[in-house]
Structure formats: structure tokens, C-alpha cells
Amino acid sequence: MRHVFTLTLTSSVGLVSLFAVDLIDLYFLTLLENQAIIAALGFAASIMFFNMSFSIGLSIAMSATVARAIGAKQDLQARGLALNNFVFSVSFTTLVAAVTWLFKTPLLELIGASGNALIYADQYLSIILPSLPFLAVAMSGSALLRAMGSPKLSMLAMLSGSAVNVILDPIFIFGLDLGIEGAAIASVFSRFSVGAMALYFIYARHDFYCAFNFNVFKQHLQKIFTIAIPAMATQLATPFANAYMTYEIAKFGESYMAGWSITGRITPVAFGVIFALSAAVGPIYAQNFGAGDFARVRKTLYDSCLFVTSYCVVAAMIFYLSIDALIIWFGATDEGAEFMRFVAIWIGPAFSFYGFLFVANAAFNNLGYPLISTAFNFAKATVGTVPFVMIGVSFMGADGVFMGNTAGNLVFGIAALSCCFYIINKLTHRPLGTQNYV
């Protein structure tokens, strides 16, 4: 349990700092006292969530391919893979950013944006979308530093982005009177800061330089594709579900949308540790699986579930007791404030069961069953979201969006956990030496 706790908290610092950047933007923008701007951030976040998912998938490819080469003592191979991962990440995300930028207005309309909220969201995305390659470098660079055994440097790079955002937000939003466009500009500088800091640590501190060779790049593409494509596909499941819920909540007006936007920025910071858990416990599963110690594999899963439950109870209590203060700080009013109070009641169960899905997926990925992880992710994002939310809305209105999603988390969280224990038991009773070490 101590191992799970230590690794998770260490990994969560950088991730939570990334979510904190968005929360900082939101806080300063709420001081403008314009509900349409807050609603616009919710719509823009749904679009950016898709783009961030590509960056997450690419960072997984960076970590996996380079870590294997480092583990095999293939230094030149590791350096080449690192460089070629960066080249592919920047090229791919540049294309994604360009396509998204061209179609940003119809995409925003598709998820329910209209009126002033549509105008503000369009302005925000116009500025921040071109910085997607910076985000890809930032996330892949941080993943590479962790693979190189420098998690503290990775954490420092991520924290630098939050510091830059805190400094620049009030300057651009209020000092230069740029409003939501100022927040977008500050975020661009924040992404650039993280990427530049990560590259400095990689190439100046670690001297991980390697000359680019196009023929080697083509050879490495297959290794990168093998991991990046399924990783990106898996990551895209969650933003699909989020976009659908945003579409449903938008039907109830700007006040509800503002409440949805605020909770959507606060909860990842409050519960970011749960997101980090799956990445943190992965190596523990893999090491014990490799050693054939399935008692410890099973204990890791038990401990992870205990950690999820304990953390969510504490975080949910703090969130509930702080909700009125949060409503005041972020300027939520009317239906938006009431929606936030409703979320505060059920946020604990929602994230607990979602956490069970995360830890089960981490086990699937490291026990040689990655397709089961992908299947559960997509199932949760589709049949575990759409029908549950539709039923919730029909009975409870806007509150039903969150409640329906919570019910879907419960069903698929328990199902994934049950499947995971079944697979561990199945592997335990296989004859020694027949396990499939992937």
C-alpha cells in the first residue's frame, strides 16, 4: 500500500499542475462577471480535450519506446527514438491543430454552443489551438524525463507552466484588457514554458542529443505507431463522452453551462490523483507479473482500490464542505450554483467507480490484455454514458447529466474490476512459464 501511495502522489503533482493551469484561467475570467465567458470555456474545453488526448497518447508512445531501449542498454537507439517521437508528435499535432482550427466553429455548434458563448469559445480556440504542438512537446518531454529516471525534473517542467500562467493571466486579462483572449495567450506561453523546460532538461542536463536521420525516422515509425495509435484511440473515448455530456447540459442554458464549466475545471484538480494512479501502479503490476508473483499482483489491485476509495472519501468531503466558498469564488449563480451543489453530493461515488475502471485498465495493459482496456474505455464512453445520461436527463433534467454518468461509472467500474480479478485468477493457475509476457 505504501508503494502505491508514494508512486501515485509523486506522479500526480505534475498532472495536477497541468489541470491547475486551466483552473487558474477560469478563476481570473470569473472576475469579469460574464456567464457567457465561463460557458464558453466549457465548450472550448470539450474541443481541447480531444486534442489533449492525442498528446497523451503520443506521450505514452514516447515513454514506452524509449524506456524499452534504455532498459536494454541501447543508448543510441533510445536517443534516436526520443528524437523521432518528438518529430512525429510535432508533425501529427500540427496537422490535428490545423484541421481543428479550420472547423472549430461548426464543432462548437455541434456540441451546443450558441450566441455570445459561441463567439467567446471561438476566440479562445483561435489562439490556443495553434499551440497544440507545444503541448505535445511538453507532455512527451515530461514522459521522456520519467522514462529516463528523472521524475523530479519532469515535475519541475510541469510546475513551470503553472507559474507562468499565474503571472501572465492577470497581465493579459486585466492589464492589457484582452479578456478571454488574454487567458488563451497566457496558456500558450504556459505550454511553451513546459516544453522548453523539458527540452532543456533532456538535451542540456542529460545530454540526450542525437542527429536526425530520415531513414532511421522511417524505421522507428513502426515502433511508434504500434503504441501511439491504440494509445490515442483509447484516450479519445473519454473526450467523446465529455462532448456528449456538454451537448446535453448546453440545452439547459448558459447558467447551467457555467456551472458545468466550473465543476469541470475544479474536479480534475481535486481528483487528479486518481488520474495519476493508473500510470503510477502500471510498473508495479508489470514487475510482479514478470516475476510470476500473482499474489502481489492481486494485492496491488486490492491496495489500488483501497487507495481510490479512501482518497475519494476525503476529497469528496472537502469538496462538499467547500462548495459554497467555491460558488462564491468562481461567481456561479442561479441554476449553475445549484448544479454545483448537486455535483458536490455525488462527486465521491462518481470518481470512486471511475477510479476502479482506471486501476483495472492499468492492470489489463500490464498483464498482456491491452485490448480489454480499450474495449472497456470505449464501452464506458458510449453505452456507459449515452443511454445512462439520456435516462438521467428524462427524469432529473440537467442534474441527470451528472447522475447518469455516475451510474455508468458504477456499472463499468465494477464490471472492469470483476473482469480484472478473473484474469488475475486465470493467470495464477496457469502452469509456470506459460504466461504471455507482453
Protein backbone atom coordinates (compact mmCIF):
# COMPACT_ATOMS: atom_id res chain seq x y z
CA MET A 1 0.00 0.00 0.00
CA ARG A 2 2.84 2.38 0.87
CA HIS A 3 4.44 1.76 -2.56
CA VAL A 4 1.17 2.56 -4.35
CA PHE A 5 0.65 5.66 -2.20
CA THR A 6 4.17 7.05 -2.75
CA LEU A 7 4.30 6.49 -6.51
CA THR A 8 0.80 7.89 -7.04
CA LEU A 9 1.38 11.11 -5.12
CA THR A 10 4.71 11.70 -6.88
CA SER A 11 3.16 11.17 -10.31
CA SER A 12 0.11 13.30 -9.53
CA VAL A 13 1.99 16.54 -8.85
CA GLY A 14 2.86 17.19 -12.49
CA LEU A 15 -0.54 16.08 -13.77
CA VAL A 16 -2.49 18.17 -11.27
CA SER A 17 -0.35 21.20 -12.15
CA LEU A 18 -1.47 20.74 -15.77
CA PHE A 19 -5.13 20.78 -14.70
CA ALA A 20 -4.40 23.72 -12.39
CA VAL A 21 -3.43 25.86 -15.39
CA ASP A 22 -7.00 25.58 -16.71
CA LEU A 23 -8.41 26.33 -13.26
CA ILE A 24 -6.23 29.44 -12.99
CA ASP A 25 -7.60 30.66 -16.33
CA LEU A 26 -11.13 30.06 -15.11
CA TYR A 27 -10.64 31.90 -11.81
CA PHE A 28 -9.33 35.07 -13.42
CA LEU A 29 -12.03 35.01 -16.09
CA THR A 30 -14.78 34.70 -13.46
CA LEU A 31 -13.65 38.09 -12.16
CA LEU A 32 -15.01 39.56 -15.41
CA GLU A 33 -18.51 38.52 -14.16
CA ASN A 34 -19.67 37.33 -17.57
CA GLN A 35 -21.54 33.99 -17.58
CA ALA A 36 -21.16 33.66 -21.34
CA ILE A 37 -17.35 33.61 -20.98
CA ILE A 38 -17.49 30.87 -18.35
CA ALA A 39 -19.88 28.85 -20.51
CA ALA A 40 -17.53 29.39 -23.48
CA LEU A 41 -14.66 27.83 -21.54
CA GLY A 42 -16.78 24.71 -21.04
CA PHE A 43 -17.41 24.39 -24.77
CA ALA A 44 -13.79 25.12 -25.64
CA ALA A 45 -12.60 22.57 -23.07
CA SER A 46 -14.58 19.82 -24.80
CA ILE A 47 -12.79 20.51 -28.08
CA MET A 48 -9.38 20.83 -26.42
CA PHE A 49 -9.99 17.59 -24.51
CA PHE A 50 -9.91 15.73 -27.84
CA ASN A 51 -6.67 17.44 -28.82
CA MET A 52 -5.07 16.79 -25.43
CA SER A 53 -5.93 13.11 -25.82
CA PHE A 54 -3.71 12.92 -28.90
CA SER A 55 -0.86 14.43 -26.87
CA ILE A 56 -1.40 11.94 -24.05
CA GLY A 57 -1.34 9.01 -26.48
CA LEU A 58 1.86 10.32 -28.07
CA SER A 59 3.48 10.74 -24.65
CA ILE A 60 2.66 7.09 -23.87
CA ALA A 61 4.45 6.08 -27.07
CA MET A 62 7.45 8.20 -26.10
CA SER A 63 7.69 6.65 -22.64
CA ALA A 64 7.17 3.05 -23.77
CA THR A 65 9.53 3.00 -26.76
CA VAL A 66 12.38 4.91 -25.11
CA ALA A 67 12.08 3.08 -21.77
CA ARG A 68 12.44 -0.29 -23.51
CA ALA A 69 15.61 0.87 -25.30
CA ILE A 70 17.03 2.29 -22.07
CA GLY A 71 16.24 -0.95 -20.26
CA ALA A 72 18.03 -2.90 -22.99
CA LYS A 73 21.10 -0.63 -22.60
CA GLN A 74 20.69 0.58 -26.20
CA ASP A 75 21.69 4.20 -25.66
CA LEU A 76 21.90 5.28 -29.30
CA GLN A 77 18.57 3.59 -30.05
CA ALA A 78 16.96 5.37 -27.08
CA ARG A 79 18.25 8.75 -28.24
CA GLY A 80 17.02 8.18 -31.78
CA LEU A 81 13.60 7.05 -30.60
CA ALA A 82 13.29 10.11 -28.36
CA LEU A 83 14.09 12.48 -31.21
CA ASN A 84 11.84 10.69 -33.69
CA ASN A 85 8.96 10.60 -31.20
CA PHE A 86 9.30 14.38 -30.89
CA VAL A 87 9.37 14.81 -34.67
CA PHE A 88 6.30 12.63 -35.17
CA SER A 89 4.43 14.26 -32.27
CA VAL A 90 5.01 17.79 -33.57
CA SER A 91 4.12 16.83 -37.15
CA PHE A 92 0.97 14.94 -36.19
CA THR A 93 -0.36 17.53 -33.72
CA THR A 94 0.33 20.34 -36.19
CA LEU A 95 -1.99 18.59 -38.64
CA VAL A 96 -4.61 17.96 -35.94
CA ALA A 97 -4.43 21.59 -34.79
CA ALA A 98 -4.83 22.89 -38.36
CA VAL A 99 -7.87 20.73 -39.08
CA THR A 100 -9.49 21.58 -35.73
CA TRP A 101 -8.79 25.30 -36.25
CA LEU A 102 -10.46 25.24 -39.67
CA PHE A 103 -13.60 23.53 -38.36
CA LYS A 104 -13.70 24.99 -34.83
CA THR A 105 -16.94 26.94 -35.32
CA PRO A 106 -19.07 24.04 -36.64
CA LEU A 107 -17.53 21.76 -33.99
CA LEU A 108 -18.57 24.20 -31.25
CA GLU A 109 -22.07 24.45 -32.72
CA LEU A 110 -22.24 20.65 -32.85
CA ILE A 111 -21.83 20.39 -29.06
CA GLY A 112 -24.42 23.11 -28.41
CA ALA A 113 -22.52 26.43 -28.33
CA SER A 114 -24.51 29.46 -29.46
CA GLY A 115 -24.77 33.24 -29.00
CA ASN A 116 -22.04 35.02 -27.06
CA ALA A 117 -20.74 31.74 -25.65
CA LEU A 118 -20.02 30.57 -29.22
CA ILE A 119 -18.23 33.83 -30.06
CA TYR A 120 -16.04 33.72 -26.95
CA ALA A 121 -15.25 30.00 -27.36
CA ASP A 122 -14.28 30.61 -30.99
CA GLN A 123 -11.96 33.45 -29.95
CA TYR A 124 -10.32 31.29 -27.29
CA LEU A 125 -9.76 28.33 -29.62
CA SER A 126 -8.44 30.57 -32.41
CA ILE A 127 -5.49 31.45 -30.20
CA ILE A 128 -4.84 28.27 -28.23
CA LEU A 129 -5.26 25.62 -30.94
CA PRO A 130 -2.03 26.53 -32.81
CA SER A 131 -0.13 25.81 -29.57
CA LEU A 132 -1.07 22.11 -29.66
CA PRO A 133 2.43 21.11 -30.90
CA PHE A 134 3.88 22.91 -27.83
CA LEU A 135 1.58 20.81 -25.62
CA ALA A 136 2.70 17.63 -27.39
CA VAL A 137 6.36 18.51 -26.79
CA ALA A 138 5.58 19.37 -23.17
CA MET A 139 3.78 16.10 -22.43
CA SER A 140 6.14 13.88 -24.42
CA GLY A 141 9.12 15.64 -22.87
CA SER A 142 7.78 15.10 -19.36
CA ALA A 143 7.10 11.43 -20.16
CA LEU A 144 10.63 11.06 -21.53
CA LEU A 145 12.15 12.53 -18.35
CA ARG A 146 10.21 10.00 -16.27
CA ALA A 147 11.40 7.18 -18.54
CA MET A 148 14.96 8.43 -18.07
CA GLY A 149 14.56 8.16 -14.30
CA SER A 150 14.15 11.90 -13.62
CA PRO A 151 10.59 12.30 -12.27
CA LYS A 152 11.55 15.41 -10.27
CA LEU A 153 12.76 17.20 -13.40
CA SER A 154 9.52 16.19 -15.13
CA MET A 155 7.56 17.62 -12.21
CA LEU A 156 9.57 20.87 -12.28
CA ALA A 157 8.90 21.30 -16.00
CA MET A 158 5.16 20.89 -15.44
CA LEU A 159 5.14 23.26 -12.46
CA SER A 160 6.90 25.93 -14.52
CA GLY A 161 3.82 26.11 -16.74
CA SER A 162 1.53 26.80 -13.79
CA ALA A 163 3.89 29.53 -12.55
CA VAL A 164 3.93 31.22 -15.96
CA ASN A 165 0.14 31.08 -16.17
CA VAL A 166 -0.33 32.62 -12.71
CA ILE A 167 1.94 35.52 -13.63
CA LEU A 168 0.64 36.19 -17.14
CA ASP A 169 -3.11 35.69 -16.66
CA PRO A 170 -3.79 38.96 -14.77
CA ILE A 171 -1.40 40.86 -17.07
CA PHE A 172 -3.14 39.79 -20.29
CA ILE A 173 -6.73 39.54 -19.00
CA PHE A 174 -6.84 42.76 -16.96
CA GLY A 175 -3.66 44.74 -17.60
CA LEU A 176 -4.00 44.60 -21.39
CA ASP A 177 -7.81 44.21 -21.22
CA LEU A 178 -7.81 41.18 -23.52
CA GLY A 179 -10.40 39.13 -21.59
CA ILE A 180 -10.76 35.52 -22.71
CA GLU A 181 -8.21 36.04 -25.47
CA GLY A 182 -5.70 37.08 -22.81
CA ALA A 183 -6.30 33.81 -20.96
CA ALA A 184 -5.64 31.90 -24.17
CA ILE A 185 -2.38 33.79 -24.78
CA ALA A 186 -1.23 33.08 -21.22
CA SER A 187 -1.96 29.37 -21.75
CA VAL A 188 0.10 29.38 -24.95
CA PHE A 189 3.08 30.80 -23.05
CA SER A 190 2.49 28.23 -20.31
CA ARG A 191 2.63 25.34 -22.79
CA PHE A 192 5.74 26.78 -24.40
CA SER A 193 7.37 27.10 -20.97
CA VAL A 194 6.79 23.45 -20.07
CA GLY A 195 8.05 22.24 -23.46
CA ALA A 196 11.15 24.46 -23.38
CA MET A 197 11.98 23.45 -19.80
CA ALA A 198 11.57 19.74 -20.61
CA LEU A 199 13.79 20.03 -23.69
CA TYR A 200 16.41 21.88 -21.64
CA PHE A 201 16.49 19.11 -19.05
CA ILE A 202 16.64 16.40 -21.75
CA TYR A 203 19.27 17.89 -24.03
CA ALA A 204 21.30 20.18 -21.75
CA ARG A 205 21.19 18.41 -18.41
CA HIS A 206 21.08 14.82 -19.70
CA ASP A 207 22.92 15.43 -22.99
CA PHE A 208 20.45 13.16 -24.82
CA TYR A 209 21.22 14.67 -28.22
CA CYS A 210 21.05 12.65 -31.45
CA ALA A 211 21.32 13.87 -35.06
CA PHE A 212 18.17 13.45 -37.14
CA ASN A 213 18.28 10.79 -39.85
CA PHE A 214 15.26 10.42 -42.11
CA ASN A 215 15.90 6.73 -42.85
CA VAL A 216 16.11 5.94 -39.13
CA PHE A 217 12.96 8.01 -38.61
CA LYS A 218 11.08 5.81 -41.11
CA GLN A 219 12.35 2.67 -39.36
CA HIS A 220 11.24 3.95 -35.96
CA LEU A 221 7.78 4.94 -37.18
CA GLN A 222 6.52 1.37 -36.99
CA LYS A 223 7.52 1.09 -33.33
CA ILE A 224 5.95 4.47 -32.59
CA PHE A 225 2.74 3.64 -34.50
CA THR A 226 2.37 0.29 -32.71
CA ILE A 227 1.95 2.05 -29.39
CA ALA A 228 0.78 5.56 -30.35
CA ILE A 229 -2.22 4.57 -32.50
CA PRO A 230 -4.00 2.31 -29.95
CA ALA A 231 -2.98 4.68 -27.11
CA MET A 232 -4.54 7.67 -28.89
CA ALA A 233 -7.61 5.63 -29.81
CA THR A 234 -8.08 4.64 -26.17
CA GLN A 235 -7.60 8.21 -24.94
CA LEU A 236 -10.22 9.55 -27.38
CA ALA A 237 -13.01 7.60 -25.67
CA THR A 238 -13.26 9.91 -22.65
CA PRO A 239 -13.48 13.24 -24.55
CA PHE A 240 -16.25 11.73 -26.68
CA ALA A 241 -18.28 11.10 -23.54
CA ASN A 242 -17.45 14.57 -22.22
CA ALA A 243 -18.53 16.21 -25.50
CA TYR A 244 -21.85 14.38 -25.39
CA MET A 245 -22.50 15.46 -21.80
CA THR A 246 -21.58 19.05 -22.71
CA TYR A 247 -24.10 18.88 -25.56
CA GLU A 248 -26.82 17.71 -23.15
CA ILE A 249 -26.06 20.28 -20.45
CA ALA A 250 -25.97 23.12 -23.01
CA LYS A 251 -29.68 22.56 -23.67
CA PHE A 252 -30.46 23.98 -20.23
CA GLY A 253 -28.88 27.39 -20.79
CA GLU A 254 -25.77 29.44 -20.01
CA SER A 255 -26.14 29.33 -16.23
CA TYR A 256 -26.08 25.53 -16.16
CA MET A 257 -23.28 25.54 -18.71
CA ALA A 258 -21.26 27.90 -16.50
CA GLY A 259 -21.77 25.56 -13.53
CA TRP A 260 -20.70 22.61 -15.70
CA SER A 261 -17.62 24.52 -16.85
CA ILE A 262 -16.58 25.43 -13.29
CA THR A 263 -17.01 21.90 -11.90
CA GLY A 264 -15.22 20.56 -14.98
CA ARG A 265 -12.15 22.66 -14.10
CA ILE A 266 -12.20 22.08 -10.32
CA THR A 267 -12.77 18.31 -10.18
CA PRO A 268 -9.64 17.29 -12.17
CA VAL A 269 -7.53 19.29 -9.71
CA ALA A 270 -9.33 17.83 -6.69
CA PHE A 271 -9.30 14.27 -8.04
CA GLY A 272 -6.22 14.41 -10.30
CA VAL A 273 -4.51 11.89 -8.02
CA ILE A 274 -6.96 9.26 -9.30
CA PHE A 275 -5.97 10.02 -12.90
CA ALA A 276 -2.30 9.63 -11.95
CA LEU A 277 -2.88 6.32 -10.14
CA SER A 278 -3.19 4.18 -13.28
CA ALA A 279 0.17 5.40 -14.60
CA ALA A 280 1.83 5.01 -11.21
CA VAL A 281 0.74 1.42 -10.50
CA GLY A 282 1.46 0.16 -14.02
CA PRO A 283 5.14 -0.61 -13.33
CA ILE A 284 4.18 -2.42 -10.10
CA TYR A 285 1.83 -4.73 -12.00
CA ALA A 286 4.45 -5.28 -14.71
CA GLN A 287 7.30 -6.06 -12.30
CA ASN A 288 5.31 -8.57 -10.26
CA PHE A 289 3.81 -10.10 -13.39
CA GLY A 290 7.31 -10.53 -14.80
CA ALA A 291 8.38 -12.21 -11.56
CA GLY A 292 5.35 -14.50 -11.64
CA ASP A 293 4.25 -13.20 -8.22
CA PHE A 294 0.49 -13.09 -8.74
CA ALA A 295 -0.22 -12.75 -5.03
CA ARG A 296 1.43 -9.33 -5.20
CA VAL A 297 -0.35 -8.53 -8.47
CA ARG A 298 -3.65 -9.22 -6.73
CA LYS A 299 -2.56 -7.24 -3.65
CA THR A 300 -1.63 -4.29 -5.87
CA LEU A 301 -5.16 -4.30 -7.26
CA TYR A 302 -6.67 -4.51 -3.76
CA ASP A 303 -4.41 -1.74 -2.49
CA SER A 304 -5.23 0.44 -5.51
CA CYS A 305 -8.96 0.05 -4.89
CA LEU A 306 -8.48 0.86 -1.21
CA PHE A 307 -6.45 3.93 -2.14
CA VAL A 308 -9.12 5.08 -4.63
CA THR A 309 -11.91 4.66 -2.09
CA SER A 310 -10.03 6.35 0.76
CA TYR A 311 -8.85 9.27 -1.34
CA CYS A 312 -12.28 9.85 -2.89
CA VAL A 313 -13.97 9.86 0.53
CA VAL A 314 -11.58 12.51 1.85
CA ALA A 315 -11.54 14.60 -1.35
CA ALA A 316 -15.34 14.45 -1.69
CA MET A 317 -15.83 15.58 1.91
CA ILE A 318 -13.51 18.54 1.38
CA PHE A 319 -15.23 19.36 -1.91
CA TYR A 320 -18.68 19.20 -0.29
CA LEU A 321 -17.67 21.37 2.67
CA SER A 322 -16.04 23.90 0.32
CA ILE A 323 -18.78 24.09 -2.29
CA ASP A 324 -20.39 27.33 -1.09
CA ALA A 325 -17.00 29.04 -0.97
CA LEU A 326 -16.18 27.71 -4.47
CA ILE A 327 -19.50 29.03 -5.79
CA ILE A 328 -18.65 32.48 -4.44
CA TRP A 329 -15.02 32.42 -5.62
CA PHE A 330 -15.96 31.41 -9.16
CA GLY A 331 -19.05 33.58 -9.39
CA ALA A 332 -21.61 30.83 -10.13
CA THR A 333 -25.22 32.00 -9.88
CA ASP A 334 -28.77 30.67 -10.07
CA GLU A 335 -29.10 27.22 -11.70
CA GLY A 336 -25.33 26.93 -12.17
CA ALA A 337 -24.76 27.24 -8.42
CA GLU A 338 -27.48 24.69 -7.66
CA PHE A 339 -25.95 22.29 -10.18
CA MET A 340 -22.58 22.61 -8.45
CA ARG A 341 -24.20 21.81 -5.07
CA PHE A 342 -25.77 18.70 -6.59
CA VAL A 343 -22.42 17.59 -8.02
CA ALA A 344 -20.80 18.08 -4.61
CA ILE A 345 -23.15 15.45 -3.11
CA TRP A 346 -22.38 12.73 -5.65
CA ILE A 347 -18.81 13.51 -6.70
CA GLY A 348 -17.33 10.88 -4.35
CA PRO A 349 -19.15 7.86 -5.79
CA ALA A 350 -18.66 9.17 -9.34
CA PHE A 351 -14.88 9.26 -9.05
CA SER A 352 -14.59 6.15 -6.87
CA PHE A 353 -16.14 3.91 -9.52
CA TYR A 354 -14.29 5.75 -12.28
CA GLY A 355 -11.09 5.11 -10.34
CA PHE A 356 -11.89 1.37 -10.26
CA LEU A 357 -12.05 1.45 -14.06
CA PHE A 358 -8.65 3.21 -14.19
CA VAL A 359 -6.84 0.73 -11.95
CA ALA A 360 -8.39 -2.22 -13.78
CA ASN A 361 -7.29 -0.78 -17.12
CA ALA A 362 -3.76 -0.30 -15.79
CA ALA A 363 -3.72 -3.97 -14.85
CA PHE A 364 -5.07 -5.06 -18.26
CA ASN A 365 -2.37 -3.04 -20.05
CA ASN A 366 0.44 -4.51 -17.97
CA LEU A 367 -0.79 -8.10 -17.81
CA GLY A 368 -0.91 -8.53 -21.57
CA TYR A 369 -4.58 -7.63 -22.22
CA PRO A 370 -4.49 -4.08 -23.67
CA LEU A 371 -7.46 -4.70 -25.97
CA ILE A 372 -9.69 -5.36 -22.97
CA SER A 373 -8.65 -1.97 -21.58
CA THR A 374 -9.53 -0.30 -24.88
CA ALA A 375 -12.86 -2.16 -25.01
CA PHE A 376 -13.84 -1.04 -21.51
CA ASN A 377 -12.84 2.56 -22.23
CA PHE A 378 -14.94 2.74 -25.38
CA ALA A 379 -17.82 0.86 -23.81
CA LYS A 380 -17.89 3.30 -20.88
CA ALA A 381 -17.73 6.29 -23.25
CA THR A 382 -20.61 5.02 -25.39
CA VAL A 383 -23.11 2.56 -23.88
CA GLY A 384 -21.87 3.51 -20.41
CA THR A 385 -22.61 7.19 -21.00
CA VAL A 386 -25.18 8.00 -23.69
CA PRO A 387 -28.16 5.85 -22.57
CA PHE A 388 -27.46 6.49 -18.87
CA VAL A 389 -27.34 10.27 -19.42
CA MET A 390 -30.45 10.21 -21.61
CA ILE A 391 -32.39 8.39 -18.89
CA GLY A 392 -30.96 10.72 -16.25
CA VAL A 393 -32.00 13.84 -18.17
CA SER A 394 -35.51 12.49 -18.75
CA PHE A 395 -36.05 12.02 -15.00
CA MET A 396 -33.87 14.72 -13.41
CA GLY A 397 -33.21 17.39 -16.02
CA ALA A 398 -29.72 18.92 -16.03
CA ASP A 399 -28.76 17.12 -12.81
CA GLY A 400 -29.41 13.87 -14.66
CA VAL A 401 -26.40 14.50 -16.91
CA PHE A 402 -24.07 14.07 -13.95
CA MET A 403 -26.17 11.41 -12.24
CA GLY A 404 -26.46 9.33 -15.41
CA ASN A 405 -22.70 9.46 -15.90
CA THR A 406 -22.21 8.41 -12.26
CA ALA A 407 -24.47 5.39 -12.80
CA GLY A 408 -22.44 4.45 -15.88
CA ASN A 409 -19.24 4.73 -13.85
CA LEU A 410 -20.69 2.36 -11.25
CA VAL A 411 -21.70 -0.31 -13.77
CA PHE A 412 -18.50 -0.26 -15.81
CA GLY A 413 -16.17 0.32 -12.86
CA ILE A 414 -17.45 -2.81 -11.10
CA ALA A 415 -17.53 -4.79 -14.37
CA ALA A 416 -13.91 -3.90 -15.20
CA LEU A 417 -12.76 -4.71 -11.68
CA SER A 418 -14.54 -8.09 -11.73
CA CYS A 419 -13.02 -8.93 -15.11
CA CYS A 420 -9.59 -7.93 -13.81
CA PHE A 421 -9.78 -10.24 -10.79
CA TYR A 422 -10.96 -13.05 -13.09
CA ILE A 423 -7.93 -12.57 -15.37
CA ILE A 424 -5.51 -12.49 -12.43
CA ASN A 425 -7.01 -15.74 -11.09
CA LYS A 426 -6.78 -17.26 -14.56
CA LEU A 427 -3.12 -16.29 -14.87
CA THR A 428 -2.36 -17.53 -11.36
CA HIS A 429 -3.49 -21.07 -12.20
CA ARG A 430 -1.61 -21.33 -15.48
CA PRO A 431 1.38 -23.70 -15.49
CA LEU A 432 4.63 -21.87 -14.73
CA GLY A 433 6.29 -20.45 -17.84
CA THR A 434 3.14 -20.29 -19.96
CA GLN A 435 2.22 -16.68 -19.13
CA ASN A 436 2.24 -14.30 -22.05
CA TYR A 437 4.72 -11.57 -21.10
CA VAL A 438 3.80 -8.63 -23.31
